[in-house]
Amino acid sequence: MPVISQPDFLGACSVAALALVVAVGPGCHRRVATTPTVASPTTEVWLAPEQVAAAKLVVEPLALQPVGSVVVASGRVTFDDLHVSHVLSPVTGRVVKIEAEPGQRVKKGDTLALIESPDVATAFSDLEKAKADFGAAEKEANRQKELFDVHAGSQRDLEGAQSAHSKATAELDRARKKTRILRGSSSDKLNQTYTLRAPIDGEVIARNVNPGAEVQGQYSGGTVLELFTVGDLDSIWVLGEIFEMDLRRVKAGTECLASVVSYPGRVFRGLADWVSNTLDPATHTSKVRCKIANPDRALKPEMYATVTLPVDRQVALAIPRSALLRLADQTVVFVEVGKAPDGRLRFERRPVVVNEELGSEYLPVLRNLAKGERIVVSGAILLSVKI
């Protein structure tokens, strides 16, 4: 029996180690058979679990998803016109005090400003004169009626008294309506101070007047200045511009997604509740109105916005766009199909047919995939490199 020297013995053990020979004790007593390496098919990639984790592959089962195309339009944030009021002064006069500042929350009837105006005293004075004239005319009409009934008065005098009574009644009604606009300014009818009040609950969006400024009454026929803008920003509108070719696809009741440059990545959801039936002659677009809840008041009137309207919505078996790969003239995905004999995970490259016209993030699957199959939705490009 040949003697093996110490270097030969170490070399033999090294070779045995490479051949997966397990050495027990001071010599190589037992040899373990190695498992032959199995090559993967040309349409598959086999990876160990640690390789899958290192490549950060994301695998998801194929399932039903809401799909549909979208219409994208430019837009502008504006007030809900049922929740905004432009406050004008009904009297001509001078502003003596400001009670509300921009950003202040007010209730309906709260004082905004005090205006000193002779129109107030004149209106109440006219009312008192109208009451007096009405009383005199009424008495005269009754007296002429009594005289006519006993044949002591003429028909002409009775008709004249009744006509004067009708005119006095009309004048009294006019004076009452005018003072009703100014009522609540002061308990003193001769006081010339008019109290400008908030017509709705909301926030003072703008104030365009300062103490001491002269203002024109809205019924005077002159140039009228808007003194305050009071609005509620909890609900706002986004007005989008829809091109003619997209009009047939956008209907009232469509979901509306709005985004603004001030909040990148944030989507404001609402409902398109109205689509105009006419086109703007300058831009040749039609307006769509999106009503959006704005509880944190992040959206401000006059902001520019991008409006996205999902249309043709339906539920179908669909995959994310990120799962698709373009290889030559084929569209393919990678599907996890189980384990290889050596325990590695098998990923099969499979051609698929999808409907790219109906879909945005998710695309409907037409052929070659079944519900529940596990699809690589992220990192598939790394698998294509290994084939």
Protein backbone atom coordinates (compact mmCIF):
# COMPACT_ATOMS: atom_id res chain seq x y z
CA MET A 1 0.00 0.00 0.00
CA PRO A 2 1.52 3.33 -1.05
CA VAL A 3 2.36 5.84 1.61
CA ILE A 4 0.84 9.30 1.24
CA SER A 5 3.02 12.12 2.37
CA GLN A 6 1.68 15.00 4.47
CA PRO A 7 1.55 17.49 1.53
CA ASP A 8 -0.16 14.90 -0.65
CA PHE A 9 -2.62 14.24 2.14
CA LEU A 10 -3.50 17.98 2.44
CA GLY A 11 -3.87 18.27 -1.33
CA ALA A 12 -6.18 15.30 -1.38
CA CYS A 13 -8.32 16.85 1.35
CA SER A 14 -8.45 20.15 -0.57
CA VAL A 15 -9.65 18.36 -3.69
CA ALA A 16 -12.13 16.43 -1.62
CA ALA A 17 -13.44 19.67 -0.09
CA LEU A 18 -14.12 21.08 -3.54
CA ALA A 19 -15.98 17.87 -4.38
CA LEU A 20 -18.05 18.26 -1.17
CA VAL A 21 -16.18 15.42 0.63
CA VAL A 22 -16.81 15.57 4.34
CA ALA A 23 -13.61 14.78 6.38
CA VAL A 24 -14.07 13.20 9.77
CA GLY A 25 -11.09 12.96 12.13
CA PRO A 26 -7.51 13.28 10.94
CA GLY A 27 -8.17 11.76 7.50
CA CYS A 28 -10.76 11.62 4.73
CA HIS A 29 -12.90 8.68 5.88
CA ARG A 30 -16.28 9.35 4.18
CA ARG A 31 -17.25 10.77 0.75
CA VAL A 32 -20.71 12.41 0.13
CA ALA A 33 -22.11 12.32 -3.43
CA THR A 34 -22.63 15.76 -4.99
CA THR A 35 -25.88 16.88 -6.62
CA PRO A 36 -25.26 17.67 -10.28
CA THR A 37 -25.98 21.28 -11.31
CA VAL A 38 -29.21 21.55 -13.35
CA ALA A 39 -29.33 24.24 -16.04
CA SER A 40 -32.49 26.36 -16.32
CA PRO A 41 -34.47 26.45 -19.58
CA THR A 42 -33.77 29.37 -21.89
CA THR A 43 -37.18 30.96 -21.06
CA GLU A 44 -36.65 30.78 -17.29
CA VAL A 45 -34.51 32.37 -14.61
CA TRP A 46 -33.78 30.43 -11.41
CA LEU A 47 -32.82 32.41 -8.33
CA ALA A 48 -32.08 31.51 -4.75
CA PRO A 49 -34.29 33.23 -2.15
CA GLU A 50 -31.40 35.44 -1.05
CA GLN A 51 -30.89 36.52 -4.67
CA VAL A 52 -34.58 37.44 -4.94
CA ALA A 53 -34.27 39.55 -1.80
CA ALA A 54 -31.06 41.22 -3.02
CA ALA A 55 -32.68 42.10 -6.37
CA LYS A 56 -35.71 43.56 -4.50
CA LEU A 57 -38.15 41.72 -6.72
CA VAL A 58 -41.82 42.40 -5.96
CA VAL A 59 -44.22 39.58 -6.81
CA GLU A 60 -48.00 39.95 -6.67
CA PRO A 61 -50.87 37.64 -7.64
CA LEU A 62 -52.85 38.61 -10.73
CA ALA A 63 -56.25 39.96 -9.64
CA LEU A 64 -59.22 42.03 -10.74
CA GLN A 65 -58.50 45.77 -10.82
CA PRO A 66 -60.44 48.92 -11.77
CA VAL A 67 -59.10 50.04 -15.15
CA GLY A 68 -59.85 52.78 -17.61
CA SER A 69 -58.29 55.62 -19.51
CA VAL A 70 -58.04 59.21 -18.29
CA VAL A 71 -58.66 62.70 -19.62
CA VAL A 72 -56.12 65.27 -18.39
CA ALA A 73 -56.92 68.99 -18.50
CA SER A 74 -55.57 72.24 -17.14
CA GLY A 75 -57.71 73.95 -14.52
CA ARG A 76 -58.09 76.74 -12.03
CA VAL A 77 -59.25 76.74 -8.42
CA THR A 78 -62.19 79.03 -7.72
CA PHE A 79 -64.88 79.68 -5.12
CA ASP A 80 -68.05 77.64 -4.94
CA ASP A 81 -70.33 80.51 -5.93
CA LEU A 82 -72.99 79.38 -3.46
CA HIS A 83 -70.51 79.87 -0.63
CA VAL A 84 -69.04 83.28 -1.42
CA SER A 85 -70.45 86.78 -1.07
CA HIS A 86 -69.11 90.06 -2.46
CA VAL A 87 -70.15 92.71 0.06
CA LEU A 88 -71.04 96.18 -1.24
CA SER A 89 -72.34 99.21 0.61
CA PRO A 90 -76.02 100.09 0.03
CA VAL A 91 -75.36 103.67 1.21
CA THR A 92 -72.99 106.45 0.20
CA GLY A 93 -70.81 107.70 3.03
CA ARG A 94 -67.53 107.49 4.90
CA VAL A 95 -66.11 104.42 6.64
CA VAL A 96 -65.59 105.25 10.32
CA LYS A 97 -64.59 101.83 11.70
CA ILE A 98 -63.42 98.41 10.50
CA GLU A 99 -64.58 95.43 12.57
CA ALA A 100 -63.32 92.47 10.47
CA GLU A 101 -59.85 91.68 9.17
CA PRO A 102 -58.72 89.32 6.37
CA GLY A 103 -58.61 85.71 7.57
CA GLN A 104 -61.15 86.32 10.34
CA ARG A 105 -64.02 83.83 10.68
CA VAL A 106 -67.43 85.52 10.79
CA LYS A 107 -71.02 84.44 11.26
CA LYS A 108 -73.98 85.72 9.29
CA GLY A 109 -74.95 89.08 10.75
CA ASP A 110 -71.56 89.89 12.29
CA THR A 111 -70.39 93.49 11.88
CA LEU A 112 -67.83 94.11 9.14
CA ALA A 113 -67.64 97.91 9.15
CA LEU A 114 -69.45 101.07 10.25
CA ILE A 115 -70.30 103.70 7.62
CA GLU A 116 -71.43 107.21 8.43
CA SER A 117 -74.03 108.17 5.83
CA PRO A 118 -76.80 110.75 5.55
CA ASP A 119 -78.71 108.19 3.50
CA VAL A 120 -79.67 106.40 6.72
CA ALA A 121 -81.30 109.43 8.36
CA THR A 122 -82.92 110.42 5.07
CA ALA A 123 -84.44 106.98 4.61
CA PHE A 124 -86.05 106.93 8.06
CA SER A 125 -87.19 110.53 7.67
CA ASP A 126 -88.83 109.62 4.37
CA LEU A 127 -90.59 106.73 6.10
CA GLU A 128 -92.05 108.98 8.78
CA LYS A 129 -93.25 111.48 6.16
CA ALA A 130 -94.77 108.65 4.13
CA LYS A 131 -96.62 107.41 7.21
CA ALA A 132 -98.01 110.90 7.86
CA ASP A 133 -99.06 111.36 4.23
CA PHE A 134 -100.70 107.96 4.23
CA GLY A 135 -102.67 108.75 7.37
CA ALA A 136 -103.94 112.06 5.97
CA ALA A 137 -104.82 110.51 2.63
CA GLU A 138 -106.67 107.66 4.31
CA LYS A 139 -108.73 110.04 6.44
CA GLU A 140 -109.59 112.18 3.41
CA ALA A 141 -110.61 109.15 1.40
CA ASN A 142 -112.90 107.95 4.21
CA ARG A 143 -114.41 111.42 4.64
CA GLN A 144 -115.13 111.77 0.94
CA LYS A 145 -116.71 108.31 0.94
CA GLU A 146 -119.07 109.29 3.78
CA LEU A 147 -120.04 112.53 2.01
CA PHE A 148 -120.67 110.72 -1.22
CA ASP A 149 -122.85 108.12 0.52
CA VAL A 150 -125.19 110.83 1.91
CA HIS A 151 -125.15 112.69 -1.43
CA ALA A 152 -123.19 115.59 0.07
CA GLY A 153 -120.07 115.08 -1.98
CA SER A 154 -119.27 114.64 -5.65
CA GLN A 155 -117.99 111.61 -7.46
CA ARG A 156 -115.01 113.63 -8.63
CA ASP A 157 -113.92 114.53 -5.08
CA LEU A 158 -114.23 110.89 -3.98
CA GLU A 159 -112.13 109.62 -6.89
CA GLY A 160 -109.47 112.28 -6.22
CA ALA A 161 -109.25 111.31 -2.55
CA GLN A 162 -109.03 107.62 -3.41
CA SER A 163 -106.26 108.32 -5.95
CA ALA A 164 -104.30 110.32 -3.38
CA HIS A 165 -104.73 107.45 -0.92
CA SER A 166 -103.36 104.96 -3.44
CA LYS A 167 -100.30 107.13 -4.10
CA ALA A 168 -99.67 107.53 -0.37
CA THR A 169 -99.93 103.76 0.08
CA ALA A 170 -97.37 103.16 -2.69
CA GLU A 171 -94.99 105.75 -1.27
CA LEU A 172 -95.25 104.23 2.22
CA ASP A 173 -94.49 100.79 0.81
CA ARG A 174 -91.43 102.16 -1.03
CA ALA A 175 -90.14 103.92 2.10
CA ARG A 176 -90.61 100.79 4.19
CA LYS A 177 -88.68 98.63 1.72
CA LYS A 178 -85.83 101.12 1.61
CA THR A 179 -85.54 101.32 5.39
CA ARG A 180 -85.74 97.53 5.62
CA ILE A 181 -82.37 97.42 3.87
CA LEU A 182 -80.92 99.78 6.47
CA ARG A 183 -82.75 98.39 9.49
CA GLY A 184 -80.59 97.21 12.36
CA SER A 185 -78.05 100.00 11.98
CA SER A 186 -79.20 101.81 15.09
CA SER A 187 -82.17 102.06 17.39
CA ASP A 188 -82.01 105.83 16.88
CA LYS A 189 -83.77 106.52 13.59
CA LEU A 190 -81.92 109.81 13.16
CA ASN A 191 -78.50 108.19 13.64
CA GLN A 192 -76.49 108.40 10.42
CA THR A 193 -74.30 105.33 11.06
CA TYR A 194 -74.92 102.27 8.92
CA THR A 195 -73.70 98.85 10.08
CA LEU A 196 -72.34 96.71 7.25
CA ARG A 197 -72.90 93.06 8.19
CA ALA A 198 -71.68 89.67 6.92
CA PRO A 199 -74.36 88.12 4.68
CA ILE A 200 -73.12 84.52 5.15
CA ASP A 201 -70.99 82.40 7.46
CA GLY A 202 -67.41 82.16 6.29
CA GLU A 203 -63.98 83.71 6.26
CA VAL A 204 -63.03 87.26 5.32
CA ILE A 205 -61.06 86.54 2.16
CA ALA A 206 -60.38 90.15 1.20
CA ARG A 207 -60.90 93.67 2.54
CA ASN A 208 -60.68 96.52 0.05
CA VAL A 209 -61.45 99.53 2.26
CA ASN A 210 -59.76 101.46 5.06
CA PRO A 211 -61.11 103.74 7.80
CA GLY A 212 -61.91 107.20 6.45
CA ALA A 213 -62.49 106.02 2.88
CA GLU A 214 -65.46 107.41 0.98
CA VAL A 215 -67.69 104.70 -0.50
CA GLN A 216 -70.41 104.86 -3.13
CA GLY A 217 -73.80 103.26 -2.50
CA GLN A 218 -74.70 100.35 -4.77
CA TYR A 219 -78.09 101.93 -5.57
CA SER A 220 -76.68 105.36 -6.40
CA GLY A 221 -75.77 104.48 -9.99
CA GLY A 222 -72.08 105.40 -9.63
CA THR A 223 -68.94 103.26 -9.55
CA VAL A 224 -69.33 100.81 -6.67
CA LEU A 225 -66.37 99.34 -4.78
CA GLU A 226 -66.49 95.82 -3.35
CA LEU A 227 -65.65 96.37 0.31
CA PHE A 228 -65.33 92.78 1.58
CA THR A 229 -65.24 89.28 0.16
CA VAL A 230 -66.62 86.65 2.54
CA GLY A 231 -66.31 83.03 1.48
CA ASP A 232 -66.34 79.49 2.79
CA LEU A 233 -63.28 77.53 1.59
CA ASP A 234 -64.36 74.19 3.08
CA SER A 235 -65.75 73.33 -0.35
CA ILE A 236 -64.27 74.74 -3.56
CA TRP A 237 -64.51 74.29 -7.31
CA VAL A 238 -61.82 73.42 -9.82
CA LEU A 239 -62.76 74.51 -13.35
CA GLY A 240 -61.05 72.41 -16.02
CA GLU A 241 -60.76 73.01 -19.77
CA ILE A 242 -61.77 69.94 -21.82
CA PHE A 243 -60.82 69.70 -25.49
CA GLU A 244 -63.52 68.94 -28.03
CA MET A 245 -62.20 65.45 -28.82
CA ASP A 246 -62.63 64.39 -25.17
CA LEU A 247 -66.13 65.80 -24.62
CA ARG A 248 -67.96 62.56 -25.43
CA ARG A 249 -65.97 60.71 -22.75
CA VAL A 250 -66.50 63.12 -19.85
CA LYS A 251 -69.90 63.00 -18.14
CA ALA A 252 -71.36 64.65 -15.06
CA GLY A 253 -70.74 62.38 -12.09
CA THR A 254 -67.22 61.36 -13.19
CA GLU A 255 -64.57 61.18 -10.45
CA CYS A 256 -62.18 64.14 -10.51
CA LEU A 257 -58.55 64.11 -9.34
CA ALA A 258 -56.82 67.48 -8.97
CA SER A 259 -53.19 68.32 -8.22
CA VAL A 260 -51.37 71.64 -7.70
CA VAL A 261 -47.69 72.56 -7.72
CA SER A 262 -47.87 73.71 -4.09
CA TYR A 263 -48.42 70.13 -2.88
CA PRO A 264 -46.45 67.75 -5.15
CA GLY A 265 -47.59 64.16 -4.83
CA ARG A 266 -50.90 65.04 -3.17
CA VAL A 267 -54.15 64.26 -4.99
CA PHE A 268 -57.39 66.09 -4.17
CA ARG A 269 -60.43 63.94 -4.95
CA GLY A 270 -63.83 65.24 -5.92
CA LEU A 271 -66.71 64.91 -8.36
CA ALA A 272 -67.27 66.53 -11.74
CA ASP A 273 -70.85 67.72 -11.24
CA TRP A 274 -71.27 69.84 -14.40
CA VAL A 275 -69.97 69.87 -17.96
CA SER A 276 -70.67 72.93 -20.10
CA ASN A 277 -72.77 72.46 -23.24
CA THR A 278 -70.90 75.23 -25.08
CA LEU A 279 -67.31 75.79 -26.22
CA ASP A 280 -65.19 78.82 -25.49
CA PRO A 281 -64.71 80.53 -28.91
CA ALA A 282 -61.17 81.60 -28.01
CA THR A 283 -59.76 78.30 -26.66
CA HIS A 284 -62.29 75.93 -28.27
CA THR A 285 -62.61 74.06 -24.98
CA SER A 286 -65.53 73.22 -22.74
CA LYS A 287 -65.53 73.79 -19.00
CA VAL A 288 -65.94 70.97 -16.49
CA ARG A 289 -66.65 71.87 -12.86
CA CYS A 290 -65.18 69.66 -10.14
CA LYS A 291 -66.50 70.04 -6.60
CA ILE A 292 -63.79 69.17 -4.05
CA ALA A 293 -63.85 69.11 -0.25
CA ASN A 294 -61.16 71.38 1.19
CA PRO A 295 -61.32 71.01 5.00
CA ASP A 296 -57.69 72.06 5.58
CA ARG A 297 -58.00 74.97 3.10
CA ALA A 298 -54.95 73.79 1.18
CA LEU A 299 -56.55 74.81 -2.11
CA LYS A 300 -56.76 78.56 -2.64
CA PRO A 301 -58.86 80.40 -5.25
CA GLU A 302 -56.93 81.26 -8.43
CA MET A 303 -54.40 78.42 -7.99
CA TYR A 304 -53.55 76.61 -11.23
CA ALA A 305 -54.39 72.90 -11.15
CA THR A 306 -54.07 69.78 -13.27
CA VAL A 307 -57.37 67.92 -13.54
CA THR A 308 -57.44 64.16 -14.22
CA LEU A 309 -60.78 62.54 -15.05
CA PRO A 310 -60.82 58.69 -15.09
CA VAL A 311 -63.24 57.62 -17.85
CA ASP A 312 -64.53 54.34 -19.30
CA ARG A 313 -64.03 52.71 -15.91
CA GLN A 314 -64.53 48.93 -15.51
CA VAL A 315 -63.21 46.02 -13.44
CA ALA A 316 -60.99 43.51 -15.26
CA LEU A 317 -58.06 41.15 -14.78
CA ALA A 318 -55.18 43.61 -15.01
CA ILE A 319 -51.46 44.01 -14.36
CA PRO A 320 -49.43 47.12 -13.53
CA ARG A 321 -47.54 48.82 -16.34
CA SER A 322 -44.34 48.27 -14.34
CA ALA A 323 -44.64 44.49 -14.90
CA LEU A 324 -44.43 44.76 -18.69
CA LEU A 325 -41.19 44.44 -20.65
CA ARG A 326 -40.61 45.09 -24.35
CA LEU A 327 -38.29 42.44 -25.84
CA ALA A 328 -37.91 42.80 -29.60
CA ASP A 329 -41.44 42.59 -30.99
CA GLN A 330 -42.91 40.93 -27.88
CA THR A 331 -44.53 42.19 -24.70
CA VAL A 332 -43.58 39.86 -21.87
CA VAL A 333 -43.89 39.43 -18.12
CA PHE A 334 -42.11 37.17 -15.66
CA VAL A 335 -44.26 34.68 -13.77
CA GLU A 336 -43.18 32.77 -10.66
CA VAL A 337 -43.91 29.10 -11.50
CA GLY A 338 -42.57 27.19 -8.49
CA LYS A 339 -39.23 25.76 -7.41
CA ALA A 340 -36.40 24.09 -9.31
CA PRO A 341 -34.99 20.68 -8.26
CA ASP A 342 -32.19 22.45 -6.37
CA GLY A 343 -34.67 24.62 -4.41
CA ARG A 344 -34.26 27.85 -6.36
CA LEU A 345 -37.32 29.89 -7.41
CA ARG A 346 -38.30 29.63 -11.07
CA PHE A 347 -39.37 32.74 -13.01
CA GLU A 348 -40.77 32.07 -16.47
CA ARG A 349 -40.71 34.65 -19.25
CA ARG A 350 -44.13 34.66 -20.88
CA PRO A 351 -45.47 36.69 -23.82
CA VAL A 352 -48.78 38.41 -22.99
CA VAL A 353 -51.42 40.49 -24.75
CA VAL A 354 -52.86 43.51 -22.94
CA ASN A 355 -55.22 46.34 -23.86
CA GLU A 356 -53.08 49.46 -23.65
CA GLU A 357 -55.85 51.77 -24.86
CA LEU A 358 -58.04 51.03 -21.84
CA GLY A 359 -55.88 51.60 -18.83
CA SER A 360 -53.57 53.96 -17.04
CA GLU A 361 -51.70 52.42 -14.09
CA TYR A 362 -53.26 48.96 -14.64
CA LEU A 363 -53.75 47.34 -18.07
CA PRO A 364 -56.40 44.68 -18.82
CA VAL A 365 -54.97 41.25 -19.68
CA LEU A 366 -56.36 39.68 -22.86
CA ARG A 367 -54.34 36.42 -23.18
CA ASN A 368 -51.75 34.08 -21.61
CA LEU A 369 -52.29 34.92 -17.92
CA ALA A 370 -54.76 33.53 -15.39
CA LYS A 371 -56.15 34.90 -12.18
CA GLY A 372 -53.95 34.14 -9.16
CA GLU A 373 -50.68 33.66 -11.06
CA ARG A 374 -47.79 35.41 -9.33
CA ILE A 375 -46.37 38.20 -11.51
CA VAL A 376 -43.12 40.11 -11.03
CA VAL A 377 -44.38 43.70 -10.85
CA SER A 378 -41.10 45.38 -9.91
CA GLY A 379 -37.52 44.47 -10.87
CA ALA A 380 -38.44 42.38 -13.91
CA ILE A 381 -35.81 44.17 -15.98
CA LEU A 382 -33.09 42.43 -13.91
CA LEU A 383 -34.49 39.03 -14.85
CA SER A 384 -34.43 39.88 -18.56
CA VAL A 385 -30.70 40.59 -18.30
CA LYS A 386 -30.00 37.09 -16.94
CA ILE A 387 -31.68 35.32 -19.89
